[in-house]
Every structure is written in C-alpha cells, then in structure tokens.
Protein backbone atom coordinates (compact mmCIF):
# COMPACT_ATOMS: atom_id res chain seq x y z
CA MET A 1 15.19 -37.89 -46.56
CA PRO A 2 18.07 -37.49 -44.73
CA PHE A 3 18.22 -33.62 -46.01
CA LEU A 4 15.25 -32.91 -44.44
CA THR A 5 15.37 -34.63 -41.37
CA ARG A 6 19.03 -32.60 -40.75
CA LEU A 7 16.83 -29.55 -41.71
CA THR A 8 14.17 -30.36 -39.01
CA PHE A 9 16.77 -31.07 -36.16
CA ARG A 10 18.27 -27.69 -37.01
CA LEU A 11 15.20 -26.13 -36.90
CA VAL A 12 14.30 -27.90 -34.02
CA THR A 13 17.57 -26.70 -32.20
CA ALA A 14 17.32 -23.42 -33.08
CA ALA A 15 13.55 -23.07 -31.93
CA THR A 16 15.05 -24.70 -28.70
CA LEU A 17 18.48 -21.98 -27.92
CA LEU A 18 16.19 -20.03 -29.17
CA VAL A 19 13.41 -20.40 -25.80
CA ILE A 20 15.86 -21.11 -23.77
CA GLY A 21 17.94 -18.29 -24.45
CA ALA A 22 14.21 -15.98 -23.86
CA ALA A 23 13.87 -17.88 -20.53
CA ALA A 24 17.32 -17.01 -19.52
CA ALA A 25 17.12 -13.97 -20.12
CA VAL A 26 13.96 -13.23 -18.16
CA TRP A 27 15.62 -15.08 -15.35
CA PHE A 28 18.53 -12.65 -15.51
CA MET A 29 16.57 -9.94 -15.61
CA ARG A 30 14.72 -11.39 -12.63
CA GLY A 31 17.42 -12.19 -10.53
CA GLU A 32 20.63 -9.70 -11.51
CA ALA A 33 19.07 -6.79 -8.55
CA THR A 34 20.28 -10.37 -6.45
CA LEU A 35 22.96 -11.76 -7.96
CA TRP A 36 24.97 -9.21 -10.28
CA PRO A 37 23.25 -6.08 -8.20
CA ARG A 38 23.99 -2.45 -10.25
CA PHE A 39 24.36 -1.10 -7.14
CA THR A 40 26.13 -1.47 -3.65
CA GLU A 41 25.12 -1.37 0.12
CA SER A 42 26.59 1.86 0.70
CA GLU A 43 24.27 3.41 -2.28
CA VAL A 44 21.28 1.27 -0.54
CA GLN A 45 21.65 2.88 2.57
CA ASN A 46 22.89 6.31 1.42
CA ALA A 47 19.43 6.38 -0.15
CA VAL A 48 17.54 5.07 2.82
CA ILE A 49 19.13 7.53 4.57
CA THR A 50 18.81 10.34 2.69
CA THR A 51 14.65 10.15 1.85
CA LEU A 52 14.24 9.68 5.81
CA GLN A 53 15.57 12.91 6.51
CA ARG A 54 14.49 14.62 3.66
CA GLU A 55 10.47 13.46 4.43
CA SER A 56 11.19 13.54 8.28
CA PRO A 57 12.79 17.60 8.76
CA ALA A 58 12.21 17.29 12.51
CA ALA A 59 14.04 14.31 12.37
CA PHE A 60 10.59 12.11 13.34
CA LEU A 61 9.05 10.19 11.10
CA ILE A 62 5.37 9.73 12.20
CA THR A 63 4.60 6.20 11.04
CA GLY A 64 0.56 5.33 13.41
CA ARG A 65 -2.16 6.43 15.21
CA LEU A 66 -4.09 5.46 17.94
CA ASP A 67 -7.38 6.24 20.26
CA ILE A 68 -7.23 6.17 23.54
CA THR A 69 -9.64 7.33 26.58
CA ALA A 70 -7.91 8.16 30.19
CA ASP A 71 -9.96 7.79 33.28
CA ILE A 72 -9.29 9.31 36.75
CA THR A 73 -10.97 9.46 39.74
CA GLU A 74 -9.39 12.86 41.83
CA ALA A 75 -10.32 12.93 45.28
CA ASN A 76 -9.61 15.37 48.12
CA THR A 77 -10.30 15.12 51.93
CA LYS A 78 -10.56 17.95 54.57
CA TYR A 79 -10.96 17.91 58.23
CA LEU A 80 -11.72 19.65 61.14
CA LEU A 81 -9.49 21.74 62.46
CA PRO A 82 -6.53 18.55 61.50
CA GLU A 83 -3.62 19.85 64.29
CA TYR A 84 -5.92 19.74 66.93
CA PHE A 85 -8.20 16.52 65.86
CA ASP A 86 -5.77 14.38 64.30
CA LYS A 87 -8.05 13.89 61.04
CA SER A 88 -10.68 12.53 63.19
CA ILE A 89 -13.63 14.95 62.03
CA SER A 90 -13.96 14.90 58.24
CA LEU A 91 -15.63 17.71 56.78
CA GLY A 92 -16.04 15.81 53.73
CA THR A 93 -14.11 14.40 50.11
CA THR A 94 -15.00 16.14 46.69
CA LEU A 95 -14.24 13.23 44.19
CA SER A 96 -14.09 14.48 40.63
CA MET A 97 -14.57 11.26 37.73
CA VAL A 98 -12.92 12.55 34.51
CA ARG A 99 -13.24 10.36 31.19
CA LEU A 100 -11.08 12.17 28.38
CA PRO A 101 -10.49 10.91 24.87
CA GLY A 102 -7.38 11.60 22.93
CA VAL A 103 -5.40 10.17 19.66
CA ALA A 104 -1.84 9.43 20.03
CA THR A 105 0.66 9.62 17.75
CA TYR A 106 3.95 7.46 16.66
CA GLY A 107 6.71 6.87 15.28
CA ILE A 108 10.52 6.52 15.42
CA ASP A 109 13.04 8.99 15.93
CA LEU A 110 15.38 9.41 13.07
CA ALA A 111 17.77 11.93 15.46
CA GLY A 112 20.30 8.53 15.85
CA LEU A 113 19.91 6.84 12.87
CA SER A 114 22.88 6.29 10.55
CA VAL A 115 23.85 4.62 7.63
CA ASP A 116 25.16 1.41 9.94
CA ALA A 117 21.88 1.32 10.63
CA VAL A 118 20.43 0.28 7.37
CA GLU A 119 21.62 -3.32 6.14
CA TRP A 120 21.16 -4.74 3.09
CA THR A 121 20.28 -8.67 2.30
CA PRO A 122 20.56 -10.36 -0.88
CA ASP A 123 17.46 -11.54 -0.73
CA SER A 124 16.58 -7.91 -1.70
CA VAL A 125 15.73 -6.94 1.94
CA VAL A 126 16.28 -3.84 3.33
CA VAL A 127 16.59 -4.36 7.11
CA ILE A 128 16.16 -0.78 9.21
CA THR A 129 17.14 -1.55 12.83
CA ILE A 130 15.50 1.40 15.06
CA ALA A 131 15.47 1.61 18.85
CA GLY A 132 11.93 1.55 19.32
CA VAL A 133 8.50 3.05 18.63
CA THR A 134 7.94 5.57 20.36
CA VAL A 135 5.18 8.28 21.07
CA HIS A 136 5.52 11.18 19.29
CA ALA A 137 2.32 13.53 20.54
CA VAL A 138 -0.39 13.41 21.91
CA GLU A 139 -3.81 15.04 21.77
CA PRO A 140 -7.03 15.27 24.22
CA HIS A 141 -10.43 16.16 22.86
CA LEU A 142 -11.28 18.37 25.87
CA ASP A 143 -14.79 18.99 23.73
CA ASP A 144 -15.02 15.01 24.48
CA MET A 145 -14.65 15.00 27.79
CA MET A 146 -17.09 13.99 30.47
CA VAL A 147 -16.69 15.13 34.22
CA HIS A 148 -19.09 13.81 37.57
CA THR A 149 -18.39 15.56 40.69
CA GLU A 150 -19.40 14.47 43.90
CA VAL A 151 -18.67 17.86 46.85
CA GLY A 152 -18.36 16.63 50.23
CA TRP A 153 -21.16 17.25 52.56
CA ALA A 154 -19.48 20.40 54.50
CA ARG A 155 -17.51 21.86 51.72
CA MET A 156 -18.10 25.36 49.34
CA SER A 157 -19.43 23.65 46.32
CA ALA A 158 -18.11 26.42 43.00
CA ARG A 159 -14.67 26.01 44.39
CA SER A 160 -13.77 22.31 46.20
CA GLY A 161 -15.45 21.14 43.13
CA ARG A 162 -13.62 23.29 40.52
CA THR A 163 -10.10 22.81 42.58
CA VAL A 164 -10.56 18.91 42.02
CA GLU A 165 -11.62 19.00 38.69
CA ARG A 166 -8.87 20.88 37.04
CA GLN A 167 -6.82 18.47 39.49
CA ALA A 168 -8.56 15.79 37.26
CA ILE A 169 -8.08 17.01 33.96
CA VAL A 170 -4.20 17.55 34.60
CA ALA A 171 -3.70 13.85 35.65
CA ALA A 172 -6.01 12.80 32.77
CA GLN A 173 -4.19 13.99 30.01
CA ASP A 174 -0.68 12.78 31.61
CA ALA A 175 -2.35 9.65 31.64
CA LEU A 176 -3.56 9.39 27.78
CA ARG A 177 0.70 9.46 27.26
CA ARG A 178 0.87 6.77 30.12
CA GLU A 179 -1.93 4.60 27.74
CA ALA A 180 -0.03 5.20 24.92
CA ASN A 181 2.90 4.39 25.66
CA ALA A 182 1.59 0.57 27.41
CA HIS A 183 -0.17 -0.31 24.09
CA LEU A 184 2.98 0.33 22.08
CA ASP A 185 4.87 -2.07 25.18
CA ARG A 186 2.08 -4.77 24.71
CA SER A 187 1.04 -4.63 20.81
CA THR A 188 2.96 -5.40 17.92
CA GLN A 189 0.87 -3.69 15.68
CA PRO A 190 2.49 -0.26 15.76
CA LEU A 191 5.74 -2.21 15.05
CA LEU A 192 3.91 -3.63 11.31
CA ASN A 193 2.31 0.03 10.79
CA THR A 194 6.01 1.08 10.50
CA GLU A 195 7.36 -1.37 8.65
CA ALA A 196 4.05 -0.69 6.06
CA ALA A 197 5.24 3.12 6.46
CA LEU A 198 9.06 2.73 5.22
CA GLN A 199 7.68 0.29 2.78
CA ALA A 200 5.50 3.07 1.26
CA LEU A 201 7.99 5.04 1.54
CA LEU A 202 11.30 3.66 0.39
CA ALA A 203 9.79 1.28 -1.81
CA PRO A 204 10.09 3.61 -4.46
CA VAL A 205 13.32 5.05 -3.84
CA LEU A 206 15.29 1.60 -4.18
CA GLN A 207 13.31 0.80 -6.69
CA ALA A 208 15.26 3.34 -8.71
CA VAL A 209 18.21 2.79 -7.30
CA GLY A 210 17.86 -0.89 -8.35
CA ILE A 211 16.10 -3.37 -6.61
CA THR A 212 13.02 -5.24 -8.66
CA THR A 213 10.96 -5.26 -5.62
CA PRO A 214 12.59 -4.28 -2.39
CA ARG A 215 11.51 -5.27 1.05
CA ILE A 216 11.48 -3.70 4.82
CA ARG A 217 12.15 -5.33 7.72
CA VAL A 218 12.40 -3.29 11.03
CA ARG A 219 14.40 -4.90 13.43
CA ILE A 220 14.12 -3.27 16.95
CA ALA A 221 18.04 -2.70 18.98
CA PRO A 222 18.78 -4.63 21.70
CA ALA A 223 18.15 -2.99 24.95
CA LEU A 224 21.50 -2.72 27.29
CA VAL A 225 21.35 -4.41 30.08
CA GLU A 226 23.76 -3.50 32.56
CA ASP A 227 24.90 -6.46 35.03
CA GLU A 228 23.71 -5.42 38.76
CA ARG A 229 24.68 -8.32 40.32
CA ALA A 230 26.07 -7.07 43.90
CA PRO A 231 29.69 -8.41 44.35
CA GLU A 232 30.73 -11.44 45.21
CA PRO A 233 32.01 -10.70 48.76
C-alpha cells in the first residue's frame, strides 16, 4: 500500500508539473513581447517610418474622406454715375446663389515625421506623434452644382448674370476647403479614422518585427504658443 501511495503521489506531481509547465509556456509566449522583447524600440521606429514612406511616396498619407457642401451667395450692385450721384440711383443688384457639393480627402503630412515621433510602450502600444490631421485635396462636383441667378432690373441680363455666377463658383470652391478644415477642427472622427488606417497599415509589419498584438495610438503634438503679453512698464 505505501508503494502505491508513493507511485500515485509521483504521478500526480508529474502531471501537476506538466500542466504548470504548459501554462507557463503559453504565458511566456504571450508575454515575451512585453517582458522580454526580441526587438528594440529602434527597430519598431524604423519599421514604422520605412513602411509609411514606402506606402506614401508623395509624403502624404490619406486616411479618410469627407462629403461636404458649400452654399455661397454673391451680389453685385451697379449705380448710375456714382461719381455724380453718390450711389443714390441704383441700377439693381444681381444675385447668384450657388450650392456646390464636393469631396475632401485628409490625412497626415509625412514630410516632417522622423523616428523620434514614434514611441513603443511596454504594453505593446505604438504611439505616433503628428502635427495634426490636415486636408489634402478638395474635389468639387461641378456636375451636381446648383446655380440660381437673379439679375437687377436695369442690368444687362446675360453679361451681368454670367459675371456674378463665375464669381460665386470660384467663391464656392474656396468655401469647400474652408468647410473641410472646419470639420477637422471640430470633429474627433478624422483622428479616429487616422488611427484605424495606421492600425491596418502597420499591424502586419509590427507583428513581423515581434509585437504579437500591436496597437496604434495617434497623438497630436502640442502647438507652440508664443507669449503675446505686453512687456511690463
């Protein structure tokens, strides 16, 4: 009976050690990228910068797009001999109202991005510091543009209307870019989209380096604010 007891004890001990060893191996394989990494931060930085440069030869990485619309009203008033009548006799006002839809693409400018902007943290988060998410290009949809023009009562209809319409169309295209910039300033979604785009682009590369489950975070660099206080007398 003592022999069987010792044999049972040894078998239980061996099985326990085997289970503990297997669990430790799994834990080690999952945690080695964090506790005992097979790579350096420099390798992570170089992998990120090299990939971004290869995927964006124009030094700008597009990470999202916006559907935007600009509404512009352009007015032009003519007067009869204003040098003599001091603009007291109006020949009418020509109005042109333009609604112009378009698409804006945005992303990050890679021209000034260096390895110093990439940081690897021990919990497998790769932090990329950028100047900001900016508008790359704006494409107006001229085929979908809506134009409504009202010509002043004493104006030459064709000439006056076409002139003001051209001015309104040019102004609408400028307004599209302003609207895109305003959207980036007031919304956090473009930054989230940029993180998602970088995650999809860089995750396979970082896994090849040795990070098992890489996560990308984008950080906006703090703006440099000059001290504009007036000097004390």
